[in-house]
Amino acid sequence: MILSSAVRAYVYSEAVDMRKSIDALAQLVASCMGMDPLSGQVFVFIGRRRDKVKLLVWDRHGFWVLYKRLERGRFADPARLAAGALAMSELVAWLEGIDLARARRIPAVTVRCVG
């Protein structure tokens, strides 16, 4: 599975029972998030205690589910992340334990020509 920078991650804002299967998570994407689970985007689900996370991704042949359980600590507040789409770099940073609310990104530069 290769996730390019064009892929975005969408966070489900409510706590999810981590026993949910692929089909149940895909149903949440369609019915509650109003998005297409077959779009190839990454959908992020966080457990009630914020120590578990599942990622759901479609890759042309089937679904991937990635599951991470923290042995110590909790993921930063997911409610702030659910407001919009995350870049893959932001998702990876969040999964690594970086609080995105405190991180700063260098502003993008718009260039019309080189030289």
Protein backbone atom coordinates (compact mmCIF):
# COMPACT_ATOMS: atom_id res chain seq x y z
CA MET A 1 0.00 0.00 0.00
CA ILE A 2 1.45 3.34 -1.07
CA LEU A 3 -0.14 6.57 0.12
CA SER A 4 0.82 9.59 -1.96
CA SER A 5 0.68 13.21 -0.89
CA ALA A 6 -2.52 13.54 -2.96
CA VAL A 7 -4.34 11.23 -0.54
CA ARG A 8 -6.11 12.95 2.35
CA ALA A 9 -7.14 11.59 5.73
CA TYR A 10 -10.55 12.25 7.25
CA VAL A 11 -11.09 11.80 10.97
CA TYR A 12 -14.39 10.53 12.35
CA SER A 13 -15.20 12.94 15.19
CA GLU A 14 -16.84 10.52 17.64
CA ALA A 15 -15.29 7.65 19.57
CA VAL A 16 -15.64 4.29 17.84
CA ASP A 17 -15.88 0.77 19.25
CA MET A 18 -12.58 -0.76 18.12
CA ARG A 19 -14.28 -4.14 17.62
CA LYS A 20 -15.97 -2.78 14.48
CA SER A 21 -15.14 -4.63 11.27
CA ILE A 22 -14.28 -3.28 7.85
CA ASP A 23 -17.93 -3.33 6.79
CA ALA A 24 -19.09 -1.44 9.89
CA LEU A 25 -16.35 1.19 9.47
CA ALA A 26 -17.20 1.60 5.77
CA GLN A 27 -20.84 2.07 6.74
CA LEU A 28 -19.82 4.87 9.16
CA VAL A 29 -17.91 6.57 6.36
CA ALA A 30 -20.92 6.44 4.04
CA SER A 31 -23.76 7.17 6.45
CA CYS A 32 -22.22 9.43 9.10
CA MET A 33 -19.39 11.14 7.24
CA GLY A 34 -21.26 11.35 3.92
CA MET A 35 -18.20 10.19 1.99
CA ASP A 36 -17.38 7.29 -0.32
CA PRO A 37 -15.37 4.57 1.45
CA LEU A 38 -14.15 3.40 -1.99
CA SER A 39 -12.55 6.79 -2.80
CA GLY A 40 -9.01 5.75 -1.86
CA GLN A 41 -8.83 8.35 0.91
CA VAL A 42 -7.85 7.37 4.46
CA PHE A 43 -10.53 7.32 7.14
CA VAL A 44 -9.41 7.52 10.75
CA PHE A 45 -11.33 6.12 13.72
CA ILE A 46 -10.28 6.63 17.34
CA GLY A 47 -11.28 4.58 20.38
CA ARG A 48 -13.02 6.02 23.43
CA ARG A 49 -9.85 6.15 25.57
CA ARG A 50 -7.84 7.63 22.67
CA ASP A 51 -5.19 4.93 22.94
CA LYS A 52 -6.32 2.99 19.84
CA VAL A 53 -6.79 4.06 16.24
CA LYS A 54 -7.92 2.30 13.05
CA LEU A 55 -7.30 3.53 9.51
CA LEU A 56 -9.55 2.34 6.68
CA VAL A 57 -8.31 2.58 3.07
CA TRP A 58 -9.55 1.15 -0.24
CA ASP A 59 -6.80 0.29 -2.77
CA ARG A 60 -8.59 -0.99 -5.94
CA HIS A 61 -8.60 -4.64 -4.83
CA GLY A 62 -9.90 -4.44 -1.29
CA PHE A 63 -9.82 -2.66 2.01
CA TRP A 64 -6.85 -2.19 4.29
CA VAL A 65 -7.33 -1.73 8.00
CA LEU A 66 -4.35 -0.49 9.96
CA TYR A 67 -4.64 -0.68 13.73
CA LYS A 68 -2.40 0.96 16.31
CA ARG A 69 -2.60 0.58 20.08
CA LEU A 70 -0.47 2.82 22.27
CA GLU A 71 1.17 1.06 25.18
CA ARG A 72 1.56 4.35 27.04
CA GLY A 73 -0.11 7.73 26.56
CA ARG A 74 -2.99 8.88 24.40
CA PHE A 75 -3.40 10.38 20.97
CA ALA A 76 -3.88 14.16 20.86
CA ASP A 77 -7.47 15.40 20.78
CA PRO A 78 -9.05 14.12 17.53
CA ALA A 79 -11.91 16.66 17.60
CA ARG A 80 -9.59 19.34 16.21
CA LEU A 81 -8.51 17.03 13.39
CA ALA A 82 -12.07 16.18 12.35
CA ALA A 83 -12.73 19.72 11.09
CA GLY A 84 -11.10 19.09 7.71
CA ALA A 85 -8.86 16.83 5.68
CA LEU A 86 -5.34 16.04 6.82
CA ALA A 87 -2.31 15.71 4.59
CA MET A 88 -0.47 12.40 4.87
CA SER A 89 2.44 14.16 6.60
CA GLU A 90 0.04 15.51 9.25
CA LEU A 91 -1.52 12.08 9.77
CA VAL A 92 1.88 10.44 10.20
CA ALA A 93 2.94 13.15 12.67
CA TRP A 94 -0.28 12.70 14.66
CA LEU A 95 0.17 8.91 14.71
CA GLU A 96 3.71 9.48 16.00
CA GLY A 97 2.32 11.45 18.94
CA ILE A 98 2.86 15.00 17.74
CA ASP A 99 0.14 17.43 18.83
CA LEU A 100 -0.75 19.21 15.57
CA ALA A 101 -2.38 22.06 17.49
CA ARG A 102 1.08 23.08 18.69
CA ALA A 103 2.98 22.39 15.47
CA ARG A 104 3.56 25.12 12.90
CA ARG A 105 3.83 24.64 9.17
CA ILE A 106 5.96 26.85 6.94
CA PRO A 107 3.65 28.84 4.62
CA ALA A 108 3.41 27.56 1.06
CA VAL A 109 5.12 29.57 -1.67
CA THR A 110 3.33 30.34 -4.91
CA VAL A 111 5.76 30.48 -7.84
CA ARG A 112 4.91 31.46 -11.41
CA CYS A 113 8.26 30.88 -13.05
CA VAL A 114 11.75 29.65 -12.25
CA GLY A 115 14.80 31.77 -12.74
